[in-house]
PDB file of N, CA and C in Angstrom:
ATOM      1  N   MET A   1       0.834  -1.190   0.000  1.00  0.00           N
ATOM      2  CA  MET A   1       0.000   0.000   0.000  1.00  0.00           C
ATOM      3  C   MET A   1       0.875   1.248   0.000  1.00  0.00           C
ATOM      4  N   SER A   2       0.291   2.325  -0.428  1.00  0.00           N
ATOM      5  CA  SER A   2       1.057   3.550  -0.557  1.00  0.00           C
ATOM      6  C   SER A   2       0.410   4.701   0.196  1.00  0.00           C
ATOM      7  N   GLU A   3       0.865   4.950   1.391  1.00  0.00           N
ATOM      8  CA  GLU A   3       0.374   6.129   2.115  1.00  0.00           C
ATOM      9  C   GLU A   3       0.801   7.390   1.388  1.00  0.00           C
ATOM     10  N   ARG A   4       1.879   7.297   0.647  1.00  0.00           N
ATOM     11  CA  ARG A   4       2.387   8.437  -0.114  1.00  0.00           C
ATOM     12  C   ARG A   4       1.318   8.962  -1.073  1.00  0.00           C
ATOM     13  N   GLY A   5       0.569   8.054  -1.702  1.00  0.00           N
ATOM     14  CA  GLY A   5      -0.495   8.465  -2.620  1.00  0.00           C
ATOM     15  C   GLY A   5      -1.603   9.219  -1.903  1.00  0.00           C
ATOM     16  N   ALA A   6      -1.997   8.729  -0.738  1.00  0.00           N
ATOM     17  CA  ALA A   6      -3.050   9.393   0.039  1.00  0.00           C
ATOM     18  C   ALA A   6      -2.574  10.746   0.547  1.00  0.00           C
ATOM     19  N   GLU A   7      -1.336  10.824   0.992  1.00  0.00           N
ATOM     20  CA  GLU A   7      -0.792  12.100   1.474  1.00  0.00           C
ATOM     21  C   GLU A   7      -0.735  13.117   0.338  1.00  0.00           C
ATOM     22  N   PHE A   8      -0.289  12.679  -0.844  1.00  0.00           N
ATOM     23  CA  PHE A   8      -0.245  13.576  -1.997  1.00  0.00           C
ATOM     24  C   PHE A   8      -1.649  14.084  -2.309  1.00  0.00           C
ATOM     25  N   PHE A   9      -2.622  13.168  -2.325  1.00  0.00           N
ATOM     26  CA  PHE A   9      -3.998  13.547  -2.640  1.00  0.00           C
ATOM     27  C   PHE A   9      -4.527  14.571  -1.646  1.00  0.00           C
ATOM     28  N   GLY A  10      -4.301  14.337  -0.369  1.00  0.00           N
ATOM     29  CA  GLY A  10      -4.785  15.264   0.654  1.00  0.00           C
ATOM     30  C   GLY A  10      -4.216  16.658   0.493  1.00  0.00           C
ATOM     31  N   LYS A  11      -2.922  16.738   0.255  1.00  0.00           N
ATOM     32  CA  LYS A  11      -2.284  18.042   0.048  1.00  0.00           C
ATOM     33  C   LYS A  11      -2.783  18.682  -1.243  1.00  0.00           C
ATOM     34  N   TRP A  12      -2.950  17.870  -2.276  1.00  0.00           N
ATOM     35  CA  TRP A  12      -3.399  18.380  -3.570  1.00  0.00           C
ATOM     36  C   TRP A  12      -4.802  18.972  -3.436  1.00  0.00           C
ATOM     37  N   ILE A  13      -5.688  18.287  -2.727  1.00  0.00           N
ATOM     38  CA  ILE A  13      -7.057  18.781  -2.528  1.00  0.00           C
ATOM     39  C   ILE A  13      -7.023  20.135  -1.818  1.00  0.00           C
ATOM     40  N   ILE A  14      -6.223  20.246  -0.770  1.00  0.00           N
ATOM     41  CA  ILE A  14      -6.126  21.508  -0.034  1.00  0.00           C
ATOM     42  C   ILE A  14      -5.663  22.635  -0.947  1.00  0.00           C
ATOM     43  N   ASP A  15      -4.702  22.346  -1.812  1.00  0.00           N
ATOM     44  CA  ASP A  15      -4.150  23.365  -2.705  1.00  0.00           C
ATOM     45  C   ASP A  15      -5.030  23.681  -3.909  1.00  0.00           C
ATOM     46  N   ASN A  16      -5.891  22.738  -4.318  1.00  0.00           N
ATOM     47  CA  ASN A  16      -6.610  22.898  -5.581  1.00  0.00           C
ATOM     48  C   ASN A  16      -8.131  22.952  -5.487  1.00  0.00           C
ATOM     49  N   VAL A  17      -8.703  22.555  -4.358  1.00  0.00           N
ATOM     50  CA  VAL A  17     -10.156  22.485  -4.253  1.00  0.00           C
ATOM     51  C   VAL A  17     -10.589  23.016  -2.898  1.00  0.00           C
ATOM     52  N   MET A  18     -11.477  24.004  -2.919  1.00  0.00           N
ATOM     53  CA  MET A  18     -12.074  24.485  -1.672  1.00  0.00           C
ATOM     54  C   MET A  18     -13.517  24.020  -1.650  1.00  0.00           C
ATOM     55  N   ARG A  19     -13.907  23.366  -0.580  1.00  0.00           N
ATOM     56  CA  ARG A  19     -15.264  22.830  -0.459  1.00  0.00           C
ATOM     57  C   ARG A  19     -16.290  23.926  -0.700  1.00  0.00           C
ATOM     58  N   GLY A  20     -17.228  23.621  -1.579  1.00  0.00           N
ATOM     59  CA  GLY A  20     -18.321  24.542  -1.843  1.00  0.00           C
ATOM     60  C   GLY A  20     -17.982  25.685  -2.784  1.00  0.00           C
ATOM     61  N   SER A  21     -16.708  25.834  -3.157  1.00  0.00           N
ATOM     62  CA  SER A  21     -16.337  26.979  -3.980  1.00  0.00           C
ATOM     63  C   SER A  21     -16.333  26.664  -5.468  1.00  0.00           C
ATOM     64  N   ALA A  22     -16.354  25.410  -5.810  1.00  0.00           N
ATOM     65  CA  ALA A  22     -16.284  25.029  -7.220  1.00  0.00           C
ATOM     66  C   ALA A  22     -17.534  24.238  -7.580  1.00  0.00           C
ATOM     67  N   ARG A  23     -17.871  24.274  -8.839  1.00  0.00           N
ATOM     68  CA  ARG A  23     -19.013  23.485  -9.277  1.00  0.00           C
ATOM     69  C   ARG A  23     -18.605  22.011  -9.349  1.00  0.00           C
ATOM     70  N   ALA A  24     -19.516  21.136  -9.107  1.00  0.00           N
ATOM     71  CA  ALA A  24     -19.208  19.713  -9.073  1.00  0.00           C
ATOM     72  C   ALA A  24     -19.760  18.987 -10.299  1.00  0.00           C
ATOM     73  N   ASP A  25     -19.882  19.690 -11.434  1.00  0.00           N
ATOM     74  CA  ASP A  25     -20.392  19.018 -12.629  1.00  0.00           C
ATOM     75  C   ASP A  25     -19.353  18.036 -13.167  1.00  0.00           C
ATOM     76  N   ILE A  26     -19.815  17.094 -13.970  1.00  0.00           N
ATOM     77  CA  ILE A  26     -18.951  15.990 -14.391  1.00  0.00           C
ATOM     78  C   ILE A  26     -17.731  16.435 -15.194  1.00  0.00           C
ATOM     79  N   ILE A  27     -17.879  17.449 -15.998  1.00  0.00           N
ATOM     80  CA  ILE A  27     -16.746  17.918 -16.801  1.00  0.00           C
ATOM     81  C   ILE A  27     -15.687  18.567 -15.918  1.00  0.00           C
ATOM     82  N   PHE A  28     -16.102  19.398 -14.996  1.00  0.00           N
ATOM     83  CA  PHE A  28     -15.154  20.068 -14.104  1.00  0.00           C
ATOM     84  C   PHE A  28     -14.419  19.052 -13.234  1.00  0.00           C
ATOM     85  N   VAL A  29     -15.147  18.087 -12.682  1.00  0.00           N
ATOM     86  CA  VAL A  29     -14.516  17.071 -11.840  1.00  0.00           C
ATOM     87  C   VAL A  29     -13.559  16.221 -12.677  1.00  0.00           C
ATOM     88  N   ALA A  30     -13.928  15.901 -13.900  1.00  0.00           N
ATOM     89  CA  ALA A  30     -13.038  15.146 -14.786  1.00  0.00           C
ATOM     90  C   ALA A  30     -11.758  15.936 -15.080  1.00  0.00           C
ATOM     91  N   GLU A  31     -11.894  17.247 -15.299  1.00  0.00           N
ATOM     92  CA  GLU A  31     -10.717  18.094 -15.535  1.00  0.00           C
ATOM     93  C   GLU A  31      -9.809  18.125 -14.306  1.00  0.00           C
ATOM     94  N   LEU A  32     -10.400  18.224 -13.117  1.00  0.00           N
ATOM     95  CA  LEU A  32      -9.600  18.203 -11.890  1.00  0.00           C
ATOM     96  C   LEU A  32      -8.905  16.856 -11.709  1.00  0.00           C
ATOM     97  N   THR A  33      -9.593  15.777 -12.049  1.00  0.00           N
ATOM     98  CA  THR A  33      -8.994  14.444 -11.943  1.00  0.00           C
ATOM     99  C   THR A  33      -7.790  14.328 -12.874  1.00  0.00           C
ATOM    100  N   THR A  34      -7.913  14.836 -14.083  1.00  0.00           N
ATOM    101  CA  THR A  34      -6.798  14.837 -15.030  1.00  0.00           C
ATOM    102  C   THR A  34      -5.641  15.657 -14.487  1.00  0.00           C
ATOM    103  N   LYS A  35      -5.935  16.819 -13.908  1.00  0.00           N
ATOM    104  CA  LYS A  35      -4.892  17.668 -13.326  1.00  0.00           C
ATOM    105  C   LYS A  35      -4.223  16.967 -12.148  1.00  0.00           C
ATOM    106  N   LEU A  36      -5.017  16.308 -11.296  1.00  0.00           N
ATOM    107  CA  LEU A  36      -4.459  15.564 -10.172  1.00  0.00           C
ATOM    108  C   LEU A  36      -3.442  14.548 -10.662  1.00  0.00           C
ATOM    109  N   PHE A  37      -3.816  13.755 -11.663  1.00  0.00           N
ATOM    110  CA  PHE A  37      -2.922  12.707 -12.146  1.00  0.00           C
ATOM    111  C   PHE A  37      -1.688  13.283 -12.835  1.00  0.00           C
ATOM    112  N   ALA A  38      -1.830  14.398 -13.523  1.00  0.00           N
ATOM    113  CA  ALA A  38      -0.671  15.047 -14.146  1.00  0.00           C
ATOM    114  C   ALA A  38       0.285  15.573 -13.076  1.00  0.00           C
ATOM    115  N   ASP A  39      -0.258  16.207 -12.043  1.00  0.00           N
ATOM    116  CA  ASP A  39       0.572  16.719 -10.952  1.00  0.00           C
ATOM    117  C   ASP A  39       1.247  15.572 -10.199  1.00  0.00           C
ATOM    118  N   ALA A  40       0.515  14.488  -9.998  1.00  0.00           N
ATOM    119  CA  ALA A  40       1.086  13.321  -9.313  1.00  0.00           C
ATOM    120  C   ALA A  40       2.225  12.717 -10.136  1.00  0.00           C
ATOM    121  N   LYS A  41       2.016  12.600 -11.433  1.00  0.00           N
ATOM    122  CA  LYS A  41       3.053  12.047 -12.306  1.00  0.00           C
ATOM    123  C   LYS A  41       4.314  12.899 -12.239  1.00  0.00           C
ATOM    124  N   ALA A  42       4.142  14.209 -12.237  1.00  0.00           N
ATOM    125  CA  ALA A  42       5.291  15.119 -12.139  1.00  0.00           C
ATOM    126  C   ALA A  42       6.028  14.939 -10.816  1.00  0.00           C
ATOM    127  N   ALA A  43       5.315  14.492  -9.792  1.00  0.00           N
ATOM    128  CA  ALA A  43       5.919  14.262  -8.472  1.00  0.00           C
ATOM    129  C   ALA A  43       6.402  12.824  -8.306  1.00  0.00           C
ATOM    130  N   GLY A  44       6.260  12.025  -9.363  1.00  0.00           N
ATOM    131  CA  GLY A  44       6.725  10.645  -9.313  1.00  0.00           C
ATOM    132  C   GLY A  44       5.758   9.692  -8.638  1.00  0.00           C
ATOM    133  N   ILE A  45       4.479  10.036  -8.630  1.00  0.00           N
ATOM    134  CA  ILE A  45       3.455   9.211  -7.996  1.00  0.00           C
ATOM    135  C   ILE A  45       2.468   8.756  -9.073  1.00  0.00           C
ATOM    136  N   SER A  46       2.192   7.470  -9.092  1.00  0.00           N
ATOM    137  CA  SER A  46       1.302   6.929 -10.122  1.00  0.00           C
ATOM    138  C   SER A  46      -0.168   7.073  -9.740  1.00  0.00           C
ATOM    139  N   GLU A  47      -1.030   7.001 -10.751  1.00  0.00           N
ATOM    140  CA  GLU A  47      -2.475   7.003 -10.513  1.00  0.00           C
ATOM    141  C   GLU A  47      -2.841   5.845  -9.589  1.00  0.00           C
ATOM    142  N   HIS A  48      -2.217   4.704  -9.820  1.00  0.00           N
ATOM    143  CA  HIS A  48      -2.495   3.506  -9.021  1.00  0.00           C
ATOM    144  C   HIS A  48      -2.184   3.744  -7.547  1.00  0.00           C
ATOM    145  N   GLU A  49      -1.077   4.413  -7.261  1.00  0.00           N
ATOM    146  CA  GLU A  49      -0.708   4.694  -5.874  1.00  0.00           C
ATOM    147  C   GLU A  49      -1.785   5.521  -5.173  1.00  0.00           C
ATOM    148  N   ILE A  50      -2.342   6.475  -5.880  1.00  0.00           N
ATOM    149  CA  ILE A  50      -3.372   7.336  -5.298  1.00  0.00           C
ATOM    150  C   ILE A  50      -4.662   6.543  -5.092  1.00  0.00           C
ATOM    151  N   GLU A  51      -5.125   5.874  -6.141  1.00  0.00           N
ATOM    152  CA  GLU A  51      -6.407   5.192  -6.062  1.00  0.00           C
ATOM    153  C   GLU A  51      -6.350   3.937  -5.199  1.00  0.00           C
ATOM    154  N   GLU A  52      -5.162   3.402  -4.985  1.00  0.00           N
ATOM    155  CA  GLU A  52      -5.008   2.264  -4.083  1.00  0.00           C
ATOM    156  C   GLU A  52      -5.406   2.663  -2.656  1.00  0.00           C
ATOM    157  N   GLU A  53      -5.136   3.902  -2.311  1.00  0.00           N
ATOM    158  CA  GLU A  53      -5.412   4.383  -0.956  1.00  0.00           C
ATOM    159  C   GLU A  53      -6.775   5.047  -0.810  1.00  0.00           C
ATOM    160  N   ILE A  54      -7.213   5.819  -1.818  1.00  0.00           N
ATOM    161  CA  ILE A  54      -8.426   6.612  -1.649  1.00  0.00           C
ATOM    162  C   ILE A  54      -9.625   6.076  -2.424  1.00  0.00           C
ATOM    163  N   GLY A  55      -9.411   5.085  -3.265  1.00  0.00           N
ATOM    164  CA  GLY A  55     -10.486   4.624  -4.141  1.00  0.00           C
ATOM    165  C   GLY A  55     -10.518   5.503  -5.387  1.00  0.00           C
ATOM    166  N   SER A  56     -11.694   5.711  -5.927  1.00  0.00           N
ATOM    167  CA  SER A  56     -11.845   6.512  -7.144  1.00  0.00           C
ATOM    168  C   SER A  56     -11.452   7.965  -6.892  1.00  0.00           C
ATOM    169  N   ALA A  57     -10.451   8.431  -7.619  1.00  0.00           N
ATOM    170  CA  ALA A  57     -10.029   9.828  -7.483  1.00  0.00           C
ATOM    171  C   ALA A  57     -11.159  10.759  -7.906  1.00  0.00           C
ATOM    172  N   TYR A  58     -11.864  10.409  -8.958  1.00  0.00           N
ATOM    173  CA  TYR A  58     -12.984  11.217  -9.434  1.00  0.00           C
ATOM    174  C   TYR A  58     -14.014  11.410  -8.318  1.00  0.00           C
ATOM    175  N   GLU A  59     -14.405  10.308  -7.683  1.00  0.00           N
ATOM    176  CA  GLU A  59     -15.408  10.381  -6.622  1.00  0.00           C
ATOM    177  C   GLU A  59     -14.884  11.136  -5.396  1.00  0.00           C
ATOM    178  N   ALA A  60     -13.613  10.973  -5.093  1.00  0.00           N
ATOM    179  CA  ALA A  60     -13.027  11.679  -3.949  1.00  0.00           C
ATOM    180  C   ALA A  60     -12.979  13.182  -4.202  1.00  0.00           C
ATOM    181  N   ILE A  61     -12.665  13.581  -5.417  1.00  0.00           N
ATOM    182  CA  ILE A  61     -12.647  15.009  -5.755  1.00  0.00           C
ATOM    183  C   ILE A  61     -14.068  15.568  -5.699  1.00  0.00           C
ATOM    184  N   GLN A  62     -15.011  14.827  -6.248  1.00  0.00           N
ATOM    185  CA  GLN A  62     -16.406  15.279  -6.220  1.00  0.00           C
ATOM    186  C   GLN A  62     -16.879  15.447  -4.777  1.00  0.00           C
ATOM    187  N   ALA A  63     -16.522  14.522  -3.912  1.00  0.00           N
ATOM    188  CA  ALA A  63     -16.910  14.622  -2.496  1.00  0.00           C
ATOM    189  C   ALA A  63     -16.231  15.799  -1.820  1.00  0.00           C
ATOM    190  N   ALA A  64     -14.980  16.074  -2.183  1.00  0.00           N
ATOM    191  CA  ALA A  64     -14.270  17.209  -1.596  1.00  0.00           C
ATOM    192  C   ALA A  64     -14.926  18.528  -1.986  1.00  0.00           C
ATOM    193  N   ILE A  65     -15.452  18.594  -3.189  1.00  0.00           N
ATOM    194  CA  ILE A  65     -16.119  19.817  -3.651  1.00  0.00           C
ATOM    195  C   ILE A  65     -17.467  19.999  -2.961  1.00  0.00           C
ATOM    196  N   SER A  66     -18.262  18.954  -2.977  1.00  0.00           N
ATOM    197  CA  SER A  66     -19.630  19.110  -2.502  1.00  0.00           C
ATOM    198  C   SER A  66     -19.810  18.815  -1.028  1.00  0.00           C
ATOM    199  N   GLY A  67     -18.834  18.188  -0.405  1.00  0.00           N
ATOM    200  CA  GLY A  67     -18.949  17.860   1.004  1.00  0.00           C
ATOM    201  C   GLY A  67     -19.866  16.673   1.213  1.00  0.00           C
ATOM    202  N   PRO A  68     -20.071  16.295   2.470  1.00  0.00           N
ATOM    203  CA  PRO A  68     -20.935  15.143   2.749  1.00  0.00           C
ATOM    204  C   PRO A  68     -22.381  15.461   2.410  1.00  0.00           C
ATOM    205  N   PRO A  69     -23.151  14.438   2.074  1.00  0.00           N
ATOM    206  CA  PRO A  69     -24.567  14.676   1.765  1.00  0.00           C
ATOM    207  C   PRO A  69     -25.289  15.231   2.987  1.00  0.00           C
ATOM    208  N   ASP A  70     -26.247  16.109   2.732  1.00  0.00           N
ATOM    209  CA  ASP A  70     -27.048  16.703   3.805  1.00  0.00           C
ATOM    210  C   ASP A  70     -28.398  15.998   3.836  1.00  0.00           C
ATOM    211  N   PHE A  71     -28.507  14.997   4.681  1.00  0.00           N
ATOM    212  CA  PHE A  71     -29.727  14.204   4.741  1.00  0.00           C
ATOM    213  C   PHE A  71     -30.856  14.902   5.508  1.00  0.00           C
ATOM    214  N   GLY A  72     -30.528  15.951   6.235  1.00  0.00           N
ATOM    215  CA  GLY A  72     -31.515  16.607   7.070  1.00  0.00           C
ATOM    216  C   GLY A  72     -32.330  17.687   6.383  1.00  0.00           C
ATOM    217  N   SER A  73     -31.940  18.109   5.202  1.00  0.00           N
ATOM    218  CA  SER A  73     -32.665  19.214   4.551  1.00  0.00           C
ATOM    219  C   SER A  73     -33.645  18.688   3.516  1.00  0.00           C
ATOM    220  N   ASP A  74     -34.837  19.189   3.566  1.00  0.00           N
ATOM    221  CA  ASP A  74     -35.866  18.811   2.589  1.00  0.00           C
ATOM    222  C   ASP A  74     -36.549  20.039   2.078  1.00  0.00           C
TER     223      ASP A  74
END
């Protein structure tokens, strides 16, 4: 396992995504996912290393943007 991938992802999210500040549409999240993997590659970290620790990078980025679901509001 690679904690390095998870640590990179966490720092990358802090630097590139502020919760609630970006739209979470599929194209924007896909663009961020591509940027994440490009930045990781430049740092010598593979896509596999990241997703081995966090699961789907796309879904993790989408969750970072939109935050946890709000089950209490109707």
